[in-house]
């Protein structure tokens, strides 16, 4: 009963995107900076203790190229975040919040899969993180939540089985962004080697996730950055048991995830995607610093900044342009702008038709042609 004499705790883990550091001021970084720390009161009048941690993206260490191109270091990132949660989680009243961008989004989704599979180690057993991770890596039935090895591990170390209260992702990139390169660049070798090491990551929306929100880029065309969309992991779980909103925003990968280079003004698309995510988090009870919350939710003065991410690097141009495809809504299995597109597909309050015409991608046009069954110029 001693634990219940304290306030419940919110544990917020923020993982940034490839090559992203606080210098770029991404939406994940801004989200983390805006969080209120310590003792807080949410809008329902509930007292909480909020603690959070922020991790820079892959490719920001001395293994910059390996991390950026091939996701080197993602295992360490996941284990470090898992350990942080284990060290701070106490009982079922505590909430776990996971926020990520790009491969950081992939990592927090994999982290939620790891927690679903092996549970959380008690604070006095965090030295067993490596064993927990290796169990998660198992691809056979024994490594699954109801598998023999998983059950034995949880019983042996008295693991806790928490829920994930909030999972917020900005443009999760697929397969860790590693496509098959042309044969003359050793494509099959790199692809098979990488996926042999990292193919175990579980990024489906597991039953322990209560509320999931995913902001996705419409116009990015890099084959290296295919989006990993969210899907329910078990058909027996109906939409009523989980919140899942997957919204498509105009712009490139970096627009949706936010990448504020100091010499530029604030990016209006980045502002809207951050505004959407912070509003969802706030509605679920998360407490932000009032001055920063008002600042982040105010998009006045922001500008449209066109950038073609496909042309940003010779490496990306080795692959052909590839339009993204807006699939059916996860919860209704229909194509519906009201459910899938930001602001129901009306971007006129912050983008002009001329702005949208600058993008080479036909993803949005193809989507509306599919809905209205007619050609759109």
Foldseek 3Di string as FASTA:
>chain_A
DVVVVDAAEEEEEEEEEQLFDVLQVWLSNLVVVFFDAAWDAFPVRGIYGYDYDYYYYFLNDPPNVCCRQQVPPLLVVLLVSLLVCQQPHDDQSYAYAYEYAAVSLLSVLLSQQLCQQQAHAHNVPSVCSVVSVVLLQDPDQLSGNPHVVSVVNCVVRVHHRYAHAEREYEFYFPPSLQAQFPVVVVRVVSSVVSCVVVVSRDREDELRYAEYEYEHEQFAFFSSGAGDDYAHPDPVDACVRHHYAYAYFYDYSCLLRGGHNPVAFAALSSLVNSLVRVVVVSVSTGDTDVVSNVVSNDSPPHAHDDDHVCPPDPVRVSDDGHGHADAADRNPRHLFLVRYYVVSPDPVVHDDPVSRVVGPHCRVQVSVCVVVVDHDD
